[in-house]
Structures are given as structure tokens and as C-alpha cells.
Amino acid sequence: MSYFDAASAAPLHPVARQALQASLDEGWADPARLYREGRRARLLLDAAREAAAEAVGCRPDELVFTPSGTRAVHSGIAGVLAGRRRVGRHLIVSAVEHSSVLHAAEAFEADGGTVTRVPVSRAGAVTPETYGEALRPDTALACLQSANHEVGTVQPVTEVAAVCRAAGVPLLVDAAQSLGWGPAQGDWSVLTASAHKWGGPSGVGLLVVRKGVRFAPRGPVDERESGRAAGFENIPAIVAAAASLRAVRAEAAAEAVRLRELTERIRARVPELVPDVEVVGDPVRRLPGIVTFSCLYVDGEALLHELDHAGFSVSSGSSCTSSTLTPSHVLKAMGVLSEGNVRVSLPTATPAEEVDRFLSVLPGVVAGVRKKLGAPSVRTAAHEDALVVDALGKRCPIPVIELAKVIGDVPVGALVRVLSDDEAARLDIPAWCEMRGQEYVGEEPAPRGAAYVVRRLS
């Protein structure tokens, strides 16, 4: 069985397992007590905090451990909004944040606050300019993930942090997906993360609040974790989380190169092997181990079940999976195809042979699901079964008019190849596709002029 869903939860790192087992014997006592067992537990907790702070790039007294990454997000957002309530009640988030951030924003709105959701590009990225436009005099906090959990796109955190800092607004960075690969860059103010994303045990989150950031903890508090995470610390899990973070960081540079090569292989090969597929997410500014694609004419739930039967555990953001009745908010915000969506997120040490096996199995699985659903026949090559429009010798706007006449005659998902030797067609046909909601596949060489390939989407 090949586990390809590390973005949800990475397998427990061997160092985490060793640290967890060792600290079960040494870190069971109350670290707040002064007797020997308590002092020993306190030493373990302090050492773990120092190790985690070094990995994050902050002071140890700025970092607290929480019962989960979600709790860290909720506590961080609520605490800053409460601490800066005199500034105003306006919150900024991106449209592709993790659901924990969006749920916190919804709760803030329900309590009378206002929220601006910053849109993203088709690749899933925000721009510093859109964050700057969203800032207002009453903005109390802005949030931005370091990298997206569904498509792997890396966000311009450094630039957005600079825009926020210039406006005097703190930026909370959700670094859950990226912290195992390296520290969050930029002049951020608050950071959250979750240990099970980098191979630590579940049930450990990180909340970092820089000195000078106004912060007022919400809810009942106690003396533990600076009053920001009430309850008895799970010291064995915390020690394992810090130890595994240090271990994965030591391996990160080499492993990033290796996993990026494997995901590049998937990005390149899937469209060649499977007809009518859209690979989504930024092709360059992305995490090393995540690649996401969507398949036309495929039920997402059926596809995941078939891949599971074939020995591959993957995730999906499709609307047609049993866990949701609506498309992934990330894919929806990006404006990309969500039908038959597959997210492959490779754990560290994934063998290249397993990726090759996935690529060999995937075409048959997709074809089988399509056949069961009675999907229309799909192309097997870039130009096979495409309707050809011969517009050679005809000048603008005739090639576009000829295309418009026939687009309705081909099934959704099928191709039209427009042959033209008019230079204006190189600009007019892509522009027509954008205006009419069709897909411009690209330009192909032809014996005379060029062939402009268009796929009917609607």
C-alpha cells in the first residue's frame, strides 16, 4: 500500500517514535512541580520549546504548545483580535486559507466583525497588492497561509508581511504545511503550525506571538503556557514533535530536491497518460511533495475508492466525494476544474518506484470509472478525433467566426483544430476562448500556418 496523503497527516517519523517512547518514562510528571520528577519534566519541556523556537526562528518565550494546530489558529486569531479591539473589528484572510482559519473568520463575523476575503489567481496565489487594497484603518489582523494544503502553491508571505507591517497591522501565518521544509520568511507577527504535518505525533500545535503584538487570550486561562493554552502539557508528544521537526529539517534540502523531481514527473506524465486532465496549482512556486489534478467525466468518490483498491491512498477536493456536498473552497476560489480531483502528497522517503507504479495504474483506473459512468469517448492524443476547421487563406476575423460556428457541434471536452495562416489568429483565438469560457489548449505546427487547438468546456 502506498500512502500519498502526507498533506493531511505525515507518517510518524522514526525520530518522533524514539523520542516519544523515551519521554514516556521521563516526562510523565507535572512540570509545574518542584520535586525531582517535576523538574525532570520541566527540563524536557524547556528543551523542546528551545528546539522548536530555533526551527521557527523565534524566541523560546514567544512560543507555546497547544493541543492541536486548529487550536493554535483559533487561539491566535481570537487573541490578536481581542488585543487590538480598540483599533477596529476588521479581519483579512485569503480565500484559500485552511478551514480552521475560515471557521474562525465566520465566528468573528457572527459576533459582529467584518471580514475581507482576498481572491487568488488561477494558480492559487494572492498578490501583495490585493492585501494592500484590503487594509483599512480598522484592520486588526491579516492572515495568510505560507503554502496551500490542497494544491501546494507557496504564498508571497515576505511581501505581504512587509505591506502589513507598513500599515501597522500584524500578520498571522499558518505555516502548517511548510514548517517542516523551512522557517516562514518575512516579518510576520503570529505563526501557527501542527506537528502531525511534519511527522510528529498528532495533538501538538505551535502558537508563536512575537513580542510587542497586542494579545489577549480568550476563554478561561491558567498559568500554563503563558496563559495561552490551558491544560496539562502532553510532554512526551511535545518532545517527539520538537525532535521530529529538527530531524525533518536536517533532511529537508536533499528530500525537497528528490520529491520535487517525483512530483514534476507526475505533473508532466498525467496529462500525457490520461485524456482531459487539468493539473492545478503553481508549477514553480509550490511545495516539493504536492501535486493536484482534476479529471473530466469522473466521480471523485469512485476514483478514490478505485485508487484505494489499487493500493494508493490519495485525497480529493471534488464536490462528488462522500465527505462534502460542495467543491473544495480552494479549487472554487482558483476557478479550476474540481471534477474528479486528486491530490497526491508524497511523504518523505517515498520510493520513485511507487510513483511509477501510480502512473502505470492511474490511466486504467480513470478509464474504468469513466466507462462505468457512461462518459463520452475522449481523445487519446493531442490531435486525434478533433474537428478540423480549415481557415487557411482567410483573414481576421474569419478564422474566429468559423470557430464560433462549429464549437457547438462537438461534445464538451472534445477538441477543435483551427488551421490558419493569418497572424492575427494567434491573438484572436485565445482571446475568444477567454471571452466565451472555452479552453485554449495551444498552438501546434502545421504544414502551412499553424493549428490552434481549442477544447469545448461548455
Protein backbone atom coordinates (compact mmCIF):
# COMPACT_ATOMS: atom_id res chain seq x y z
CA MET A 1 0.00 0.00 0.00
CA SER A 2 1.34 3.45 -0.94
CA TYR A 3 0.34 6.33 1.34
CA PHE A 4 0.15 9.51 -0.75
CA ASP A 5 -1.73 11.83 1.64
CA ALA A 6 1.06 13.38 3.71
CA ALA A 7 -0.54 16.83 3.43
CA SER A 8 -3.33 15.54 5.68
CA ALA A 9 -1.05 13.73 8.12
CA ALA A 10 2.52 12.61 7.60
CA PRO A 11 3.58 9.18 8.87
CA LEU A 12 5.25 9.27 12.27
CA HIS A 13 8.94 9.99 11.80
CA PRO A 14 11.30 7.38 13.33
CA VAL A 15 12.91 10.07 15.48
CA ALA A 16 9.47 11.07 16.78
CA ARG A 17 8.74 7.47 17.74
CA GLN A 18 12.04 7.14 19.58
CA ALA A 19 11.61 10.44 21.41
CA LEU A 20 8.03 9.61 22.32
CA GLN A 21 8.95 6.25 23.80
CA ALA A 22 11.88 7.68 25.75
CA SER A 23 9.95 10.64 27.17
CA LEU A 24 7.05 8.44 28.29
CA ASP A 25 9.38 7.24 31.04
CA GLU A 26 10.89 10.65 31.83
CA GLY A 27 8.21 13.24 31.12
CA TRP A 28 5.07 11.97 32.84
CA ALA A 29 5.19 14.26 35.89
CA ASP A 30 3.76 17.78 36.32
CA PRO A 31 6.37 20.26 35.02
CA ALA A 32 4.96 22.92 37.36
CA ARG A 33 6.09 20.99 40.47
CA LEU A 34 9.41 21.49 42.24
CA TYR A 35 10.21 17.91 43.18
CA ARG A 36 12.66 15.83 41.18
CA GLU A 37 10.19 14.23 38.75
CA GLY A 38 8.59 17.63 38.07
CA ARG A 39 11.97 19.26 37.47
CA ARG A 40 12.88 16.48 35.03
CA ALA A 41 9.64 17.03 33.14
CA ARG A 42 10.25 20.78 33.09
CA LEU A 43 13.72 20.26 31.61
CA LEU A 44 12.23 18.17 28.80
CA LEU A 45 9.53 20.77 28.12
CA ASP A 46 12.01 23.64 28.10
CA ALA A 47 14.39 21.78 25.80
CA ALA A 48 11.56 21.01 23.38
CA ARG A 49 10.48 24.65 23.40
CA GLU A 50 14.02 25.82 22.62
CA ALA A 51 14.36 23.31 19.78
CA ALA A 52 11.01 24.30 18.27
CA ALA A 53 11.79 28.01 18.62
CA GLU A 54 15.10 27.54 16.84
CA ALA A 55 13.30 25.80 13.95
CA VAL A 56 10.67 28.54 13.75
CA GLY A 57 13.15 31.39 14.16
CA CYS A 58 11.70 32.99 17.27
CA ARG A 59 12.45 33.40 20.96
CA PRO A 60 11.53 30.46 23.22
CA ASP A 61 9.31 32.70 25.35
CA GLU A 62 7.31 33.64 22.24
CA LEU A 63 6.29 30.02 21.55
CA VAL A 64 3.66 27.92 23.31
CA PHE A 65 2.42 24.41 22.66
CA THR A 66 -1.28 23.88 22.04
CA PRO A 67 -3.41 20.69 21.85
CA SER A 68 -3.64 20.97 18.03
CA GLY A 69 -2.86 23.17 15.07
CA THR A 70 -6.53 24.13 14.84
CA ARG A 71 -6.50 25.25 18.47
CA ALA A 72 -3.38 27.30 17.75
CA VAL A 73 -5.16 29.02 14.83
CA HIS A 74 -8.32 29.74 16.80
CA SER A 75 -6.40 30.98 19.85
CA GLY A 76 -4.05 33.09 17.73
CA ILE A 77 -6.79 34.81 15.74
CA ALA A 78 -9.09 35.37 18.71
CA GLY A 79 -6.25 36.60 20.91
CA VAL A 80 -4.96 39.20 18.45
CA LEU A 81 -8.46 40.41 17.54
CA ALA A 82 -9.25 40.84 21.22
CA GLY A 83 -5.93 42.50 21.97
CA ARG A 84 -6.44 45.01 19.14
CA ARG A 85 -10.18 45.59 19.53
CA ARG A 86 -9.59 49.31 20.07
CA VAL A 87 -8.08 49.51 16.57
CA GLY A 88 -11.17 48.01 14.98
CA ARG A 89 -13.01 44.84 14.11
CA HIS A 90 -11.83 44.09 10.59
CA LEU A 91 -10.08 40.84 9.64
CA ILE A 92 -8.37 39.93 6.35
CA VAL A 93 -7.97 36.35 5.15
CA SER A 94 -7.21 34.80 1.78
CA ALA A 95 -9.94 32.84 0.01
CA VAL A 96 -7.83 29.66 0.14
CA GLU A 97 -6.94 29.55 3.84
CA HIS A 98 -7.27 26.31 5.77
CA SER A 99 -10.79 25.72 7.03
CA SER A 100 -9.66 26.39 10.62
CA VAL A 101 -8.86 29.99 9.64
CA LEU A 102 -12.08 30.41 7.68
CA HIS A 103 -14.15 28.98 10.54
CA ALA A 104 -12.54 31.46 12.92
CA ALA A 105 -13.38 34.24 10.45
CA GLU A 106 -17.01 33.07 10.28
CA ALA A 107 -17.26 33.10 14.07
CA PHE A 108 -15.81 36.62 14.12
CA GLU A 109 -18.40 37.76 11.57
CA ALA A 110 -21.21 36.18 13.57
CA ASP A 111 -20.01 38.21 16.56
CA GLY A 112 -20.29 41.47 14.60
CA GLY A 113 -16.86 41.72 12.99
CA THR A 114 -16.18 42.28 9.30
CA VAL A 115 -14.04 40.04 7.12
CA THR A 116 -12.39 40.66 3.74
CA ARG A 117 -11.58 37.51 1.77
CA VAL A 118 -8.75 38.24 -0.65
CA PRO A 119 -9.11 36.48 -4.04
CA VAL A 120 -6.38 34.37 -5.62
CA SER A 121 -5.09 33.73 -9.11
CA ARG A 122 -5.87 30.59 -11.09
CA ALA A 123 -2.64 29.20 -9.64
CA GLY A 124 -3.95 29.78 -6.11
CA ALA A 125 -1.71 32.70 -5.11
CA VAL A 126 -2.54 36.10 -3.65
CA THR A 127 -0.66 39.27 -4.51
CA PRO A 128 0.75 41.81 -2.05
CA GLU A 129 -1.25 44.47 -3.88
CA THR A 130 -4.58 42.80 -3.10
CA TYR A 131 -3.68 42.64 0.58
CA GLY A 132 -2.69 46.30 0.48
CA GLU A 133 -6.03 47.18 -1.08
CA ALA A 134 -7.87 45.21 1.62
CA LEU A 135 -6.18 47.04 4.51
CA ARG A 136 -8.34 49.61 6.31
CA PRO A 137 -7.84 51.92 9.30
CA ASP A 138 -9.88 49.48 11.42
CA THR A 139 -8.00 46.34 10.33
CA ALA A 140 -6.98 44.44 13.45
CA LEU A 141 -5.36 41.39 11.84
CA ALA A 142 -4.46 39.83 8.49
CA CYS A 143 -3.98 36.08 7.94
CA LEU A 144 -2.11 34.25 5.18
CA GLN A 145 -1.03 30.64 4.90
CA SER A 146 2.59 30.06 3.95
CA ALA A 147 1.62 27.37 1.41
CA ASN A 148 -1.66 25.84 0.35
CA HIS A 149 -2.65 22.49 1.74
CA GLU A 150 -4.60 21.33 -1.35
CA VAL A 151 -2.52 22.41 -4.34
CA GLY A 152 0.87 23.22 -2.77
CA THR A 153 1.10 26.82 -4.03
CA VAL A 154 3.53 28.89 -1.96
CA GLN A 155 2.26 32.33 -0.99
CA PRO A 156 4.30 35.59 -1.08
CA VAL A 157 4.45 35.83 2.70
CA THR A 158 7.51 38.08 2.83
CA GLU A 159 5.95 40.68 0.55
CA VAL A 160 2.53 40.58 2.23
CA ALA A 161 4.16 40.84 5.66
CA ALA A 162 6.01 43.97 4.52
CA VAL A 163 2.76 45.54 3.29
CA CYS A 164 1.03 44.75 6.58
CA ARG A 165 3.96 45.95 8.68
CA ALA A 166 3.99 49.28 6.84
CA ALA A 167 0.31 49.69 7.74
CA GLY A 168 0.87 48.69 11.36
CA VAL A 169 -1.21 45.52 11.01
CA PRO A 170 0.04 42.18 12.40
CA LEU A 171 0.13 39.21 10.03
CA LEU A 172 -0.73 35.70 11.23
CA VAL A 173 0.94 33.00 9.14
CA ASP A 174 -0.45 29.46 9.10
CA ALA A 175 2.76 27.53 8.46
CA ALA A 176 1.33 24.05 8.99
CA GLN A 177 2.24 22.73 5.52
CA SER A 178 5.61 24.40 5.14
CA LEU A 179 7.34 24.45 8.53
CA GLY A 180 8.90 21.04 8.00
CA TRP A 181 10.62 22.39 4.88
CA GLY A 182 11.94 25.60 6.43
CA PRO A 183 11.07 28.63 8.58
CA ALA A 184 8.38 31.05 7.46
CA GLN A 185 10.02 34.04 5.80
CA GLY A 186 9.20 37.69 6.28
CA ASP A 187 8.38 39.99 9.18
CA TRP A 188 5.30 38.11 10.41
CA SER A 189 3.76 38.70 13.83
CA VAL A 190 1.98 35.46 14.72
CA LEU A 191 2.59 31.91 13.48
CA THR A 192 0.76 28.61 13.88
CA ALA A 193 1.69 25.05 12.94
CA SER A 194 0.75 21.43 13.59
CA ALA A 195 3.17 18.59 14.38
CA HIS A 196 1.36 15.84 12.51
CA LYS A 197 2.05 17.68 9.25
CA TRP A 198 5.82 17.11 9.52
CA GLY A 199 5.86 13.61 11.01
CA GLY A 200 5.34 14.43 14.66
CA PRO A 201 2.53 12.98 16.75
CA SER A 202 -0.99 14.34 16.44
CA GLY A 203 -2.29 16.53 19.23
CA VAL A 204 0.55 19.08 19.28
CA GLY A 205 0.28 22.55 17.80
CA LEU A 206 2.54 25.59 17.88
CA LEU A 207 1.45 29.16 18.55
CA VAL A 208 4.06 31.90 18.27
CA VAL A 209 3.27 35.50 19.21
CA ARG A 210 6.08 37.98 18.66
CA LYS A 211 6.97 40.37 21.43
CA GLY A 212 5.13 43.65 21.05
CA VAL A 213 1.99 42.15 19.46
CA ARG A 214 -1.10 43.02 21.46
CA PHE A 215 -2.64 39.73 22.52
CA ALA A 216 -5.48 38.96 24.93
CA PRO A 217 -6.17 35.24 25.48
CA ARG A 218 -9.83 34.29 25.12
CA GLY A 219 -11.70 31.93 27.41
CA PRO A 220 -10.64 30.55 30.78
CA VAL A 221 -6.87 30.63 31.25
CA ASP A 222 -4.42 29.15 33.71
CA GLU A 223 -0.75 29.55 34.49
CA ARG A 224 0.42 27.05 31.88
CA GLU A 225 1.91 28.03 28.51
CA SER A 226 1.87 31.75 29.30
CA GLY A 227 -1.89 31.57 29.75
CA ARG A 228 -2.37 30.91 26.03
CA ALA A 229 -3.01 27.14 26.12
CA ALA A 230 -4.76 25.93 29.23
CA GLY A 231 -4.35 22.38 30.49
CA PHE A 232 -1.68 19.85 31.39
CA GLU A 233 1.04 19.69 28.74
CA ASN A 234 1.44 16.40 26.86
CA ILE A 235 5.20 16.40 27.36
CA PRO A 236 6.02 13.10 25.58
CA ALA A 237 4.14 14.25 22.46
CA ILE A 238 5.68 17.73 22.65
CA VAL A 239 9.19 16.28 22.94
CA ALA A 240 8.53 13.99 19.98
CA ALA A 241 7.15 16.89 17.94
CA ALA A 242 10.23 19.04 18.54
CA ALA A 243 12.63 16.16 17.90
CA SER A 244 10.94 15.22 14.62
CA LEU A 245 10.88 18.85 13.46
CA ARG A 246 14.62 19.07 13.95
CA ALA A 247 15.09 15.74 12.15
CA VAL A 248 13.00 16.57 9.10
CA ARG A 249 14.71 19.94 8.80
CA ALA A 250 18.08 18.18 8.66
CA GLU A 251 16.78 16.08 5.75
CA ALA A 252 14.74 18.82 4.07
CA ALA A 253 17.18 20.16 1.48
CA ALA A 254 18.01 16.80 -0.10
CA GLU A 255 14.49 15.42 0.24
CA ALA A 256 12.96 18.53 -1.33
CA VAL A 257 15.03 18.01 -4.48
CA ARG A 258 14.07 14.35 -4.68
CA LEU A 259 10.34 14.84 -4.06
CA ARG A 260 10.16 17.77 -6.45
CA GLU A 261 11.55 15.55 -9.20
CA LEU A 262 8.88 12.96 -8.46
CA THR A 263 6.01 15.45 -8.43
CA GLU A 264 7.34 17.05 -11.60
CA ARG A 265 7.15 13.59 -13.14
CA ILE A 266 3.52 13.31 -12.11
CA ARG A 267 2.69 16.82 -13.35
CA ALA A 268 4.21 16.07 -16.74
CA ARG A 269 3.06 12.49 -17.24
CA VAL A 270 -0.56 12.56 -16.04
CA PRO A 271 -1.81 14.83 -18.89
CA GLU A 272 0.04 12.60 -21.35
CA LEU A 273 -1.37 9.37 -19.94
CA VAL A 274 -4.92 10.44 -19.07
CA PRO A 275 -7.08 12.42 -21.52
CA ASP A 276 -8.91 15.55 -20.36
CA VAL A 277 -6.97 16.31 -17.20
CA GLU A 278 -6.16 19.70 -15.67
CA VAL A 279 -3.12 19.95 -13.41
CA VAL A 280 -3.70 22.76 -10.91
CA GLY A 281 -1.55 24.90 -8.64
CA ASP A 282 1.54 26.96 -9.35
CA PRO A 283 4.01 24.86 -11.37
CA VAL A 284 7.06 26.61 -9.86
CA ARG A 285 6.22 28.27 -6.53
CA ARG A 286 4.94 25.17 -4.78
CA LEU A 287 5.82 22.72 -2.03
CA PRO A 288 8.05 19.83 -3.13
CA GLY A 289 5.70 16.95 -2.37
CA ILE A 290 2.24 18.07 -3.52
CA VAL A 291 0.68 17.74 -6.98
CA THR A 292 -3.04 18.06 -7.72
CA PHE A 293 -5.02 17.34 -10.87
CA SER A 294 -8.67 17.06 -11.92
CA CYS A 295 -10.22 14.65 -14.43
CA LEU A 296 -13.28 15.34 -16.56
CA TYR A 297 -16.15 12.81 -16.52
CA VAL A 298 -15.03 11.24 -13.25
CA ASP A 299 -16.83 10.80 -9.94
CA GLY A 300 -14.35 11.79 -7.22
CA GLU A 301 -15.54 9.27 -4.66
CA ALA A 302 -15.44 6.39 -7.15
CA LEU A 303 -11.96 7.41 -8.29
CA LEU A 304 -10.61 7.49 -4.73
CA HIS A 305 -12.15 4.09 -3.96
CA GLU A 306 -10.64 2.54 -7.09
CA LEU A 307 -7.21 4.01 -6.33
CA ASP A 308 -7.51 2.69 -2.79
CA HIS A 309 -8.28 -0.78 -4.16
CA ALA A 310 -5.22 -0.44 -6.39
CA GLY A 311 -3.08 0.29 -3.33
CA PHE A 312 -2.88 4.11 -3.28
CA SER A 313 -4.16 6.38 -0.53
CA VAL A 314 -4.82 9.83 -2.00
CA SER A 315 -7.05 12.77 -1.17
CA SER A 316 -9.58 14.79 -3.17
CA GLY A 317 -11.17 18.21 -3.27
CA SER A 318 -14.01 17.10 -5.55
CA SER A 319 -17.62 18.01 -4.89
CA CYS A 320 -18.55 14.38 -5.60
CA THR A 321 -16.92 12.78 -2.58
CA SER A 322 -18.84 11.46 0.39
CA SER A 323 -17.37 13.98 2.82
CA THR A 324 -18.74 17.13 1.17
CA LEU A 325 -21.62 18.33 -0.98
CA THR A 326 -19.75 21.35 -2.34
CA PRO A 327 -16.46 21.67 -4.22
CA SER A 328 -13.31 22.43 -2.29
CA HIS A 329 -13.29 26.10 -1.36
CA VAL A 330 -9.68 26.23 -2.58
CA LEU A 331 -10.45 24.90 -6.07
CA LYS A 332 -13.55 27.07 -6.25
CA ALA A 333 -11.59 30.22 -5.36
CA MET A 334 -8.99 29.35 -8.00
CA GLY A 335 -11.67 28.84 -10.65
CA VAL A 336 -10.27 25.49 -11.75
CA LEU A 337 -11.89 22.16 -12.50
CA SER A 338 -12.85 20.29 -9.34
CA GLU A 339 -14.47 17.29 -11.03
CA GLY A 340 -12.53 14.08 -10.41
CA ASN A 341 -9.93 15.90 -8.30
CA VAL A 342 -6.91 14.01 -6.94
CA ARG A 343 -4.30 15.36 -4.54
CA VAL A 344 -1.07 13.41 -4.33
CA SER A 345 1.10 14.47 -1.39
CA LEU A 346 4.22 12.37 -1.01
CA PRO A 347 5.74 11.61 2.40
CA THR A 348 9.48 11.86 2.81
CA ALA A 349 11.36 8.77 1.62
CA THR A 350 8.67 7.86 -0.93
CA PRO A 351 10.36 5.45 -3.40
CA ALA A 352 10.42 6.54 -7.03
CA GLU A 353 9.16 3.08 -7.96
CA GLU A 354 5.87 3.76 -6.15
CA VAL A 355 5.32 6.92 -8.19
CA ASP A 356 5.99 4.99 -11.39
CA ARG A 357 3.50 2.33 -10.30
CA PHE A 358 0.91 5.03 -9.61
CA LEU A 359 1.41 6.43 -13.11
CA SER A 360 1.02 2.97 -14.61
CA VAL A 361 -2.20 2.28 -12.70
CA LEU A 362 -3.91 5.68 -12.99
CA PRO A 363 -4.94 5.60 -16.71
CA GLY A 364 -6.77 2.30 -16.33
CA VAL A 365 -8.48 3.41 -13.13
CA VAL A 366 -9.73 6.65 -14.68
CA ALA A 367 -10.86 4.87 -17.85
CA GLY A 368 -12.72 2.29 -15.77
CA VAL A 369 -14.56 4.93 -13.74
CA ARG A 370 -15.47 6.84 -16.89
CA LYS A 371 -16.79 3.69 -18.52
CA LYS A 372 -18.99 2.87 -15.53
CA LEU A 373 -20.42 6.37 -15.63
CA GLY A 374 -21.11 6.15 -19.36
CA ALA A 375 -18.81 9.09 -20.08
CA PRO A 376 -18.28 10.17 -23.71
CA SER A 377 -15.27 8.91 -25.56
CA VAL A 378 -12.21 11.03 -25.00
CA ARG A 379 -9.15 11.73 -27.09
CA THR A 380 -6.10 9.53 -26.92
CA ALA A 381 -3.66 12.06 -28.39
CA ALA A 382 -3.35 15.81 -28.67
CA HIS A 383 -4.97 15.97 -32.09
CA GLU A 384 -6.88 12.70 -32.60
CA ASP A 385 -10.69 12.89 -33.10
CA ALA A 386 -10.54 16.71 -33.18
CA LEU A 387 -12.81 18.57 -35.56
CA VAL A 388 -10.66 20.46 -38.09
CA VAL A 389 -11.64 23.92 -39.33
CA ASP A 390 -9.73 24.90 -42.46
CA ALA A 391 -9.41 28.70 -42.36
CA LEU A 392 -6.23 28.86 -44.43
CA GLY A 393 -6.12 31.92 -46.67
CA LYS A 394 -8.84 33.67 -44.69
CA ARG A 395 -8.17 36.87 -42.82
CA CYS A 396 -9.32 38.27 -39.49
CA PRO A 397 -12.00 37.90 -38.22
CA ILE A 398 -12.99 34.91 -40.42
CA PRO A 399 -10.94 32.22 -38.50
CA VAL A 400 -12.67 33.18 -35.26
CA ILE A 401 -16.08 33.28 -36.92
CA GLU A 402 -15.52 29.80 -38.37
CA LEU A 403 -14.53 28.54 -34.92
CA ALA A 404 -17.63 30.05 -33.32
CA LYS A 405 -19.85 28.37 -35.92
CA VAL A 406 -18.65 24.84 -35.13
CA ILE A 407 -17.86 24.86 -31.40
CA GLY A 408 -21.41 23.78 -30.60
CA ASP A 409 -21.14 20.77 -32.90
CA VAL A 410 -18.53 18.98 -30.79
CA PRO A 411 -19.17 17.36 -27.39
CA VAL A 412 -18.00 19.01 -24.20
CA GLY A 413 -14.36 18.06 -23.69
CA ALA A 414 -13.69 17.49 -27.39
CA LEU A 415 -11.22 19.49 -29.50
CA VAL A 416 -11.41 21.81 -32.47
CA ARG A 417 -8.24 22.48 -34.52
CA VAL A 418 -8.35 25.73 -36.46
CA LEU A 419 -5.89 25.84 -39.34
CA SER A 420 -4.92 29.41 -40.14
CA ASP A 421 -2.06 31.31 -41.76
CA ASP A 422 -3.37 34.67 -40.54
CA GLU A 423 -1.02 36.11 -37.89
CA ALA A 424 -3.95 37.75 -36.08
CA ALA A 425 -5.36 34.32 -35.27
CA ARG A 426 -2.55 33.82 -32.78
CA LEU A 427 -4.09 36.57 -30.63
CA ASP A 428 -7.75 36.41 -31.63
CA ILE A 429 -8.42 32.72 -30.93
CA PRO A 430 -7.03 32.70 -27.33
CA ALA A 431 -8.93 35.93 -26.65
CA TRP A 432 -12.16 34.40 -27.99
CA CYS A 433 -11.68 31.37 -25.72
CA GLU A 434 -11.27 33.62 -22.68
CA MET A 435 -14.39 35.60 -23.54
CA ARG A 436 -16.54 32.56 -24.33
CA GLY A 437 -15.37 30.30 -21.50
CA GLN A 438 -13.63 27.73 -23.68
CA GLU A 439 -10.14 26.29 -23.16
CA TYR A 440 -7.32 27.40 -25.43
CA VAL A 441 -5.10 24.29 -25.48
CA GLY A 442 -2.31 25.80 -27.53
CA GLU A 443 -0.64 26.18 -30.91
CA GLU A 444 0.68 23.27 -32.94
CA PRO A 445 2.90 23.32 -36.05
CA ALA A 446 1.20 22.64 -39.36
CA PRO A 447 2.42 22.23 -42.97
CA ARG A 448 1.03 25.69 -43.64
CA GLY A 449 0.41 28.32 -41.00
CA ALA A 450 -0.44 26.84 -37.60
CA ALA A 451 -3.12 24.77 -35.89
CA TYR A 452 -4.83 26.48 -32.96
CA VAL A 453 -6.34 23.87 -30.63
CA VAL A 454 -9.48 24.69 -28.61
CA ARG A 455 -11.32 22.44 -26.19
CA ARG A 456 -15.07 22.92 -25.67
CA LEU A 457 -15.79 23.39 -21.95
CA SER A 458 -19.44 24.35 -22.10
